[in-house]
């Protein structure tokens, strides 16, 4: 059984790209869930447990910052590791997202190996297929 990953991004094309990158990364992925913003992601997480979340920052309705804040306030959901995947490379943004509870921060564009290394750093190599 592979990892269950929630991809949160307002761009369907970016969600598809991240799915493809994860498929190429060598990680054993069992299921993908997708949301277009933090609000949709929280609703999904009420009914579906995931092993990891990859979220963008700039999204309508509920952005990545508010999403991380809400997760950190939830007794159970705060246990899910979250990585930010964003084009924003500013140090202040990176530090802020990590302070809000993100386990890692991957800047776009990125290579499949980069995303894999970030996920394995926290989730462990048990989910690697190589």
N, C-alpha and C. Protein backbone atom coordinates (compact mmCIF):
# COMPACT_ATOMS: atom_id res chain seq x y z
N UNK A 1 0.84 -1.19 0.00
CA UNK A 1 0.00 0.00 0.00
C UNK A 1 0.88 1.24 0.00
N UNK A 2 0.65 2.12 -0.93
CA UNK A 2 1.48 3.30 -1.07
C UNK A 2 0.97 4.49 -0.29
N UNK A 3 1.69 5.56 -0.41
CA UNK A 3 1.34 6.81 0.25
C UNK A 3 0.04 7.39 -0.28
N UNK A 4 -0.70 8.02 0.60
CA UNK A 4 -1.88 8.79 0.20
C UNK A 4 -1.47 10.26 0.29
N UNK A 5 -1.55 10.94 -0.85
CA UNK A 5 -1.06 12.32 -0.96
C UNK A 5 -2.21 13.25 -1.32
N UNK A 6 -2.31 14.36 -0.60
CA UNK A 6 -3.26 15.43 -0.94
C UNK A 6 -2.48 16.56 -1.58
N UNK A 7 -2.86 16.93 -2.80
CA UNK A 7 -2.23 18.03 -3.52
C UNK A 7 -3.21 19.20 -3.50
N UNK A 8 -2.76 20.34 -2.95
CA UNK A 8 -3.62 21.52 -2.82
C UNK A 8 -3.02 22.64 -3.66
N UNK A 9 -3.70 22.96 -4.75
CA UNK A 9 -3.24 24.01 -5.65
C UNK A 9 -4.43 24.45 -6.48
N UNK A 10 -4.56 25.74 -6.73
CA UNK A 10 -5.70 26.23 -7.50
C UNK A 10 -5.56 25.97 -9.00
N UNK A 11 -4.42 25.53 -9.43
CA UNK A 11 -4.20 25.25 -10.85
C UNK A 11 -4.31 23.74 -11.12
N UNK A 12 -5.32 23.32 -11.88
CA UNK A 12 -5.42 21.90 -12.24
C UNK A 12 -4.17 21.41 -12.98
N UNK A 13 -3.58 22.26 -13.81
CA UNK A 13 -2.36 21.88 -14.53
C UNK A 13 -1.21 21.63 -13.56
N UNK A 14 -1.09 22.46 -12.53
CA UNK A 14 -0.01 22.26 -11.55
C UNK A 14 -0.26 21.00 -10.73
N UNK A 15 -1.52 20.73 -10.38
CA UNK A 15 -1.82 19.50 -9.64
C UNK A 15 -1.44 18.28 -10.49
N UNK A 16 -1.75 18.32 -11.78
CA UNK A 16 -1.39 17.22 -12.67
C UNK A 16 0.13 17.09 -12.79
N UNK A 17 0.82 18.22 -12.86
CA UNK A 17 2.28 18.21 -12.94
C UNK A 17 2.88 17.59 -11.68
N UNK A 18 2.39 17.98 -10.52
CA UNK A 18 2.92 17.43 -9.26
C UNK A 18 2.65 15.93 -9.19
N UNK A 19 1.46 15.50 -9.61
CA UNK A 19 1.17 14.06 -9.66
C UNK A 19 2.20 13.34 -10.53
N UNK A 20 2.47 13.91 -11.69
CA UNK A 20 3.44 13.29 -12.61
C UNK A 20 4.84 13.26 -12.01
N UNK A 21 5.23 14.34 -11.39
CA UNK A 21 6.55 14.38 -10.74
C UNK A 21 6.64 13.31 -9.65
N UNK A 22 5.59 13.17 -8.87
CA UNK A 22 5.59 12.15 -7.82
C UNK A 22 5.67 10.75 -8.42
N UNK A 23 4.98 10.53 -9.53
CA UNK A 23 5.05 9.23 -10.19
C UNK A 23 6.46 8.93 -10.68
N UNK A 24 7.16 9.95 -11.16
CA UNK A 24 8.53 9.78 -11.65
C UNK A 24 9.56 9.71 -10.53
N UNK A 25 9.18 10.11 -9.34
CA UNK A 25 10.14 10.24 -8.24
C UNK A 25 10.60 8.90 -7.67
N UNK A 26 9.84 7.85 -7.90
CA UNK A 26 10.20 6.56 -7.33
C UNK A 26 9.50 6.27 -6.01
N UNK A 27 8.74 7.22 -5.50
CA UNK A 27 7.97 6.97 -4.29
C UNK A 27 6.78 6.08 -4.62
N UNK A 28 6.42 5.23 -3.70
CA UNK A 28 5.27 4.35 -3.88
C UNK A 28 4.02 5.13 -3.48
N UNK A 29 3.25 5.54 -4.47
CA UNK A 29 2.05 6.33 -4.22
C UNK A 29 0.83 5.43 -4.42
N UNK A 30 -0.05 5.43 -3.44
CA UNK A 30 -1.25 4.62 -3.53
C UNK A 30 -2.45 5.39 -4.02
N UNK A 31 -2.59 6.63 -3.55
CA UNK A 31 -3.78 7.40 -3.90
C UNK A 31 -3.48 8.89 -3.84
N UNK A 32 -4.07 9.61 -4.78
CA UNK A 32 -3.99 11.07 -4.79
C UNK A 32 -5.36 11.64 -4.49
N UNK A 33 -5.39 12.67 -3.67
CA UNK A 33 -6.56 13.50 -3.49
C UNK A 33 -6.16 14.90 -3.92
N UNK A 34 -7.12 15.67 -4.40
CA UNK A 34 -6.79 17.02 -4.87
C UNK A 34 -7.80 18.02 -4.37
N UNK A 35 -7.30 19.24 -4.12
CA UNK A 35 -8.16 20.35 -3.70
C UNK A 35 -7.64 21.62 -4.37
N UNK A 36 -8.57 22.54 -4.66
CA UNK A 36 -8.21 23.79 -5.32
C UNK A 36 -7.86 24.91 -4.37
N UNK A 37 -8.06 24.70 -3.06
CA UNK A 37 -7.70 25.70 -2.06
C UNK A 37 -7.73 25.05 -0.68
N UNK A 38 -7.33 25.80 0.33
CA UNK A 38 -7.27 25.26 1.68
C UNK A 38 -8.62 24.85 2.24
N UNK A 39 -9.65 25.59 1.87
CA UNK A 39 -11.00 25.27 2.35
C UNK A 39 -11.44 23.89 1.85
N UNK A 40 -11.26 23.63 0.56
CA UNK A 40 -11.58 22.32 -0.01
C UNK A 40 -10.73 21.23 0.64
N UNK A 41 -9.47 21.53 0.87
CA UNK A 41 -8.56 20.55 1.46
C UNK A 41 -9.03 20.16 2.86
N UNK A 42 -9.43 21.13 3.67
CA UNK A 42 -9.91 20.82 5.02
C UNK A 42 -11.15 19.94 4.97
N UNK A 43 -12.05 20.22 4.03
CA UNK A 43 -13.25 19.38 3.89
C UNK A 43 -12.86 17.94 3.52
N UNK A 44 -11.92 17.79 2.61
CA UNK A 44 -11.46 16.45 2.23
C UNK A 44 -10.84 15.72 3.42
N UNK A 45 -10.06 16.44 4.21
CA UNK A 45 -9.37 15.82 5.34
C UNK A 45 -10.32 15.41 6.46
N UNK A 46 -11.53 15.94 6.46
CA UNK A 46 -12.52 15.50 7.44
C UNK A 46 -12.91 14.05 7.22
N UNK A 47 -12.85 13.60 5.97
CA UNK A 47 -13.31 12.25 5.62
C UNK A 47 -12.21 11.31 5.13
N UNK A 48 -11.03 11.85 4.80
CA UNK A 48 -9.97 11.03 4.22
C UNK A 48 -8.64 11.31 4.92
N UNK A 49 -8.03 10.28 5.47
CA UNK A 49 -6.71 10.43 6.05
C UNK A 49 -5.67 10.35 4.95
N UNK A 50 -4.66 11.20 5.00
CA UNK A 50 -3.57 11.15 4.04
C UNK A 50 -2.25 11.08 4.80
N UNK A 51 -1.22 10.64 4.10
CA UNK A 51 0.11 10.53 4.69
C UNK A 51 0.89 11.83 4.57
N UNK A 52 0.53 12.65 3.58
CA UNK A 52 1.25 13.89 3.35
C UNK A 52 0.39 14.84 2.53
N UNK A 53 0.66 16.14 2.71
CA UNK A 53 -0.01 17.19 1.95
C UNK A 53 1.06 18.04 1.27
N UNK A 54 0.83 18.34 0.00
CA UNK A 54 1.66 19.28 -0.75
C UNK A 54 0.75 20.44 -1.08
N UNK A 55 1.10 21.64 -0.60
CA UNK A 55 0.22 22.78 -0.81
C UNK A 55 0.94 23.98 -1.40
N UNK A 56 0.22 24.68 -2.25
CA UNK A 56 0.66 25.96 -2.76
C UNK A 56 0.36 27.01 -1.69
N UNK A 57 0.79 28.24 -1.90
CA UNK A 57 0.48 29.31 -0.96
C UNK A 57 -0.64 30.19 -1.50
N UNK A 58 -0.45 30.74 -2.68
CA UNK A 58 -1.40 31.71 -3.23
C UNK A 58 -2.56 31.00 -3.91
N UNK A 59 -3.69 30.97 -3.21
CA UNK A 59 -4.91 30.33 -3.72
C UNK A 59 -6.11 31.16 -3.28
N UNK A 60 -7.21 31.07 -4.03
CA UNK A 60 -8.43 31.80 -3.62
C UNK A 60 -9.08 31.15 -2.40
N UNK A 61 -10.01 31.87 -1.81
CA UNK A 61 -10.80 31.45 -0.64
C UNK A 61 -9.95 31.25 0.60
N UNK A 62 -9.10 30.22 0.61
CA UNK A 62 -8.20 30.01 1.74
C UNK A 62 -6.82 29.69 1.20
N UNK A 63 -5.87 30.57 1.50
CA UNK A 63 -4.51 30.37 0.99
C UNK A 63 -3.75 29.35 1.84
N UNK A 64 -2.53 29.08 1.42
CA UNK A 64 -1.71 28.10 2.11
C UNK A 64 -1.36 28.47 3.54
N UNK A 65 -1.18 29.75 3.80
CA UNK A 65 -0.88 30.18 5.18
C UNK A 65 -2.05 29.87 6.11
N UNK A 66 -3.25 30.26 5.71
CA UNK A 66 -4.42 30.01 6.55
C UNK A 66 -4.68 28.51 6.68
N UNK A 67 -4.46 27.77 5.62
CA UNK A 67 -4.60 26.32 5.66
C UNK A 67 -3.67 25.72 6.71
N UNK A 68 -2.40 26.13 6.72
CA UNK A 68 -1.46 25.62 7.72
C UNK A 68 -1.88 26.04 9.13
N UNK A 69 -2.36 27.27 9.30
CA UNK A 69 -2.84 27.72 10.61
C UNK A 69 -3.97 26.82 11.11
N UNK A 70 -4.93 26.56 10.24
CA UNK A 70 -6.08 25.73 10.62
C UNK A 70 -5.65 24.30 10.97
N UNK A 71 -4.74 23.75 10.17
CA UNK A 71 -4.24 22.40 10.47
C UNK A 71 -3.56 22.37 11.83
N UNK A 72 -2.76 23.38 12.11
CA UNK A 72 -2.01 23.39 13.38
C UNK A 72 -2.93 23.49 14.60
N UNK A 73 -4.14 24.00 14.41
CA UNK A 73 -5.10 24.12 15.51
C UNK A 73 -5.93 22.86 15.72
N UNK A 74 -5.86 21.93 14.77
CA UNK A 74 -6.66 20.72 14.84
C UNK A 74 -5.89 19.61 15.55
N UNK A 75 -6.53 18.98 16.51
CA UNK A 75 -5.88 17.97 17.35
C UNK A 75 -5.27 16.82 16.55
N UNK A 76 -5.96 16.35 15.53
CA UNK A 76 -5.49 15.20 14.76
C UNK A 76 -4.82 15.61 13.46
N UNK A 77 -5.43 16.53 12.73
CA UNK A 77 -4.90 16.91 11.42
C UNK A 77 -3.52 17.53 11.49
N UNK A 78 -3.17 18.11 12.61
CA UNK A 78 -1.83 18.71 12.71
C UNK A 78 -0.72 17.66 12.66
N UNK A 79 -1.09 16.39 12.79
CA UNK A 79 -0.10 15.31 12.71
C UNK A 79 0.31 14.99 11.27
N UNK A 80 -0.45 15.46 10.30
CA UNK A 80 -0.15 15.19 8.90
C UNK A 80 0.98 16.11 8.44
N UNK A 81 2.07 15.55 7.92
CA UNK A 81 3.16 16.41 7.43
C UNK A 81 2.74 17.16 6.16
N UNK A 82 3.10 18.44 6.13
CA UNK A 82 2.75 19.31 5.01
C UNK A 82 4.02 19.91 4.42
N UNK A 83 4.10 19.88 3.10
CA UNK A 83 5.18 20.56 2.39
C UNK A 83 4.57 21.65 1.54
N UNK A 84 5.21 22.79 1.53
CA UNK A 84 4.79 23.90 0.68
C UNK A 84 5.53 23.75 -0.65
N UNK A 85 4.79 23.88 -1.75
CA UNK A 85 5.36 23.86 -3.09
C UNK A 85 4.96 25.18 -3.73
N UNK A 86 5.91 26.09 -3.84
CA UNK A 86 5.59 27.45 -4.26
C UNK A 86 6.71 28.06 -5.10
N UNK A 87 6.34 29.01 -5.94
CA UNK A 87 7.33 29.76 -6.72
C UNK A 87 7.97 30.87 -5.88
N UNK A 88 7.38 31.18 -4.73
CA UNK A 88 7.89 32.23 -3.85
C UNK A 88 9.17 31.74 -3.16
N UNK A 89 10.28 32.36 -3.50
CA UNK A 89 11.58 31.95 -2.96
C UNK A 89 12.10 32.88 -1.86
N UNK A 90 11.29 33.83 -1.42
CA UNK A 90 11.78 34.78 -0.43
C UNK A 90 12.00 34.09 0.91
N UNK A 91 13.11 34.47 1.56
CA UNK A 91 13.46 33.87 2.85
C UNK A 91 12.37 34.10 3.90
N UNK A 92 11.79 35.29 3.89
CA UNK A 92 10.76 35.58 4.90
C UNK A 92 9.55 34.67 4.73
N UNK A 93 9.16 34.40 3.48
CA UNK A 93 8.01 33.52 3.23
C UNK A 93 8.33 32.09 3.65
N UNK A 94 9.52 31.63 3.28
CA UNK A 94 9.94 30.27 3.64
C UNK A 94 9.94 30.11 5.15
N UNK A 95 10.54 31.04 5.87
CA UNK A 95 10.60 30.95 7.33
C UNK A 95 9.20 31.01 7.94
N UNK A 96 8.33 31.84 7.39
CA UNK A 96 6.98 31.95 7.92
C UNK A 96 6.23 30.63 7.76
N UNK A 97 6.32 30.01 6.60
CA UNK A 97 5.61 28.75 6.36
C UNK A 97 6.17 27.63 7.24
N UNK A 98 7.46 27.61 7.43
CA UNK A 98 8.05 26.60 8.32
C UNK A 98 7.62 26.85 9.76
N UNK A 99 7.54 28.12 10.16
CA UNK A 99 7.09 28.46 11.51
C UNK A 99 5.63 28.07 11.73
N UNK A 100 4.85 28.08 10.66
CA UNK A 100 3.44 27.68 10.76
C UNK A 100 3.26 26.17 10.79
N UNK A 101 4.35 25.43 10.62
CA UNK A 101 4.26 23.98 10.75
C UNK A 101 4.62 23.17 9.53
N UNK A 102 4.96 23.81 8.42
CA UNK A 102 5.36 23.05 7.23
C UNK A 102 6.62 22.26 7.54
N UNK A 103 6.68 21.02 7.06
CA UNK A 103 7.86 20.17 7.25
C UNK A 103 8.96 20.50 6.27
N UNK A 104 8.59 21.12 5.16
CA UNK A 104 9.56 21.46 4.15
C UNK A 104 8.98 22.46 3.18
N UNK A 105 9.85 22.99 2.34
CA UNK A 105 9.46 24.02 1.38
C UNK A 105 10.21 23.73 0.09
N UNK A 106 9.48 23.46 -0.97
CA UNK A 106 10.07 23.16 -2.27
C UNK A 106 9.69 24.29 -3.22
N UNK A 107 10.69 24.89 -3.86
CA UNK A 107 10.40 26.00 -4.77
C UNK A 107 10.24 25.48 -6.20
N UNK A 108 9.26 26.05 -6.88
CA UNK A 108 9.01 25.73 -8.29
C UNK A 108 9.98 26.55 -9.14
N UNK A 109 10.49 26.02 -10.22
CA UNK A 109 10.36 24.65 -10.67
C UNK A 109 11.29 23.74 -9.87
N UNK A 110 10.99 22.45 -9.87
CA UNK A 110 11.78 21.51 -9.10
C UNK A 110 11.91 20.20 -9.88
N UNK A 111 12.91 19.42 -9.52
CA UNK A 111 13.14 18.12 -10.13
C UNK A 111 12.44 17.05 -9.30
N UNK A 112 12.06 15.93 -9.91
CA UNK A 112 11.43 14.85 -9.16
C UNK A 112 12.25 14.41 -7.95
N UNK A 113 13.58 14.41 -8.09
CA UNK A 113 14.44 13.98 -6.99
C UNK A 113 14.32 14.92 -5.79
N UNK A 114 14.15 16.20 -6.06
CA UNK A 114 14.03 17.18 -4.98
C UNK A 114 12.79 16.89 -4.14
N UNK A 115 11.69 16.68 -4.79
CA UNK A 115 10.45 16.40 -4.08
C UNK A 115 10.55 15.07 -3.33
N UNK A 116 11.12 14.08 -3.97
CA UNK A 116 11.31 12.78 -3.32
C UNK A 116 12.16 12.91 -2.07
N UNK A 117 13.28 13.61 -2.17
CA UNK A 117 14.17 13.77 -1.02
C UNK A 117 13.46 14.47 0.13
N UNK A 118 12.67 15.49 -0.18
CA UNK A 118 11.94 16.20 0.86
C UNK A 118 10.94 15.28 1.57
N UNK A 119 10.20 14.51 0.80
CA UNK A 119 9.22 13.60 1.39
C UNK A 119 9.89 12.49 2.19
N UNK A 120 10.94 11.91 1.64
CA UNK A 120 11.63 10.82 2.34
C UNK A 120 12.28 11.29 3.63
N UNK A 121 12.70 12.54 3.65
CA UNK A 121 13.35 13.07 4.85
C UNK A 121 12.43 12.92 6.07
N UNK A 122 11.15 13.09 5.90
CA UNK A 122 10.21 12.96 7.00
C UNK A 122 9.49 11.62 7.01
N UNK A 123 9.09 11.15 5.84
CA UNK A 123 8.28 9.94 5.78
C UNK A 123 9.12 8.66 5.82
N UNK A 124 10.39 8.77 5.50
CA UNK A 124 11.26 7.61 5.51
C UNK A 124 11.31 6.92 4.16
N UNK A 125 12.33 6.14 3.96
CA UNK A 125 12.56 5.48 2.68
C UNK A 125 11.68 4.25 2.49
N UNK A 126 10.86 3.91 3.45
CA UNK A 126 10.01 2.72 3.35
C UNK A 126 9.05 2.80 2.18
N UNK A 127 8.77 4.00 1.72
CA UNK A 127 7.80 4.15 0.63
C UNK A 127 8.47 4.26 -0.73
N UNK A 128 9.78 4.13 -0.79
CA UNK A 128 10.48 4.20 -2.07
C UNK A 128 10.37 2.85 -2.78
N UNK A 129 10.22 2.90 -4.09
CA UNK A 129 10.09 1.67 -4.86
C UNK A 129 11.42 1.22 -5.43
N UNK A 130 12.43 2.01 -5.37
CA UNK A 130 13.71 1.63 -5.93
C UNK A 130 14.53 0.90 -4.87
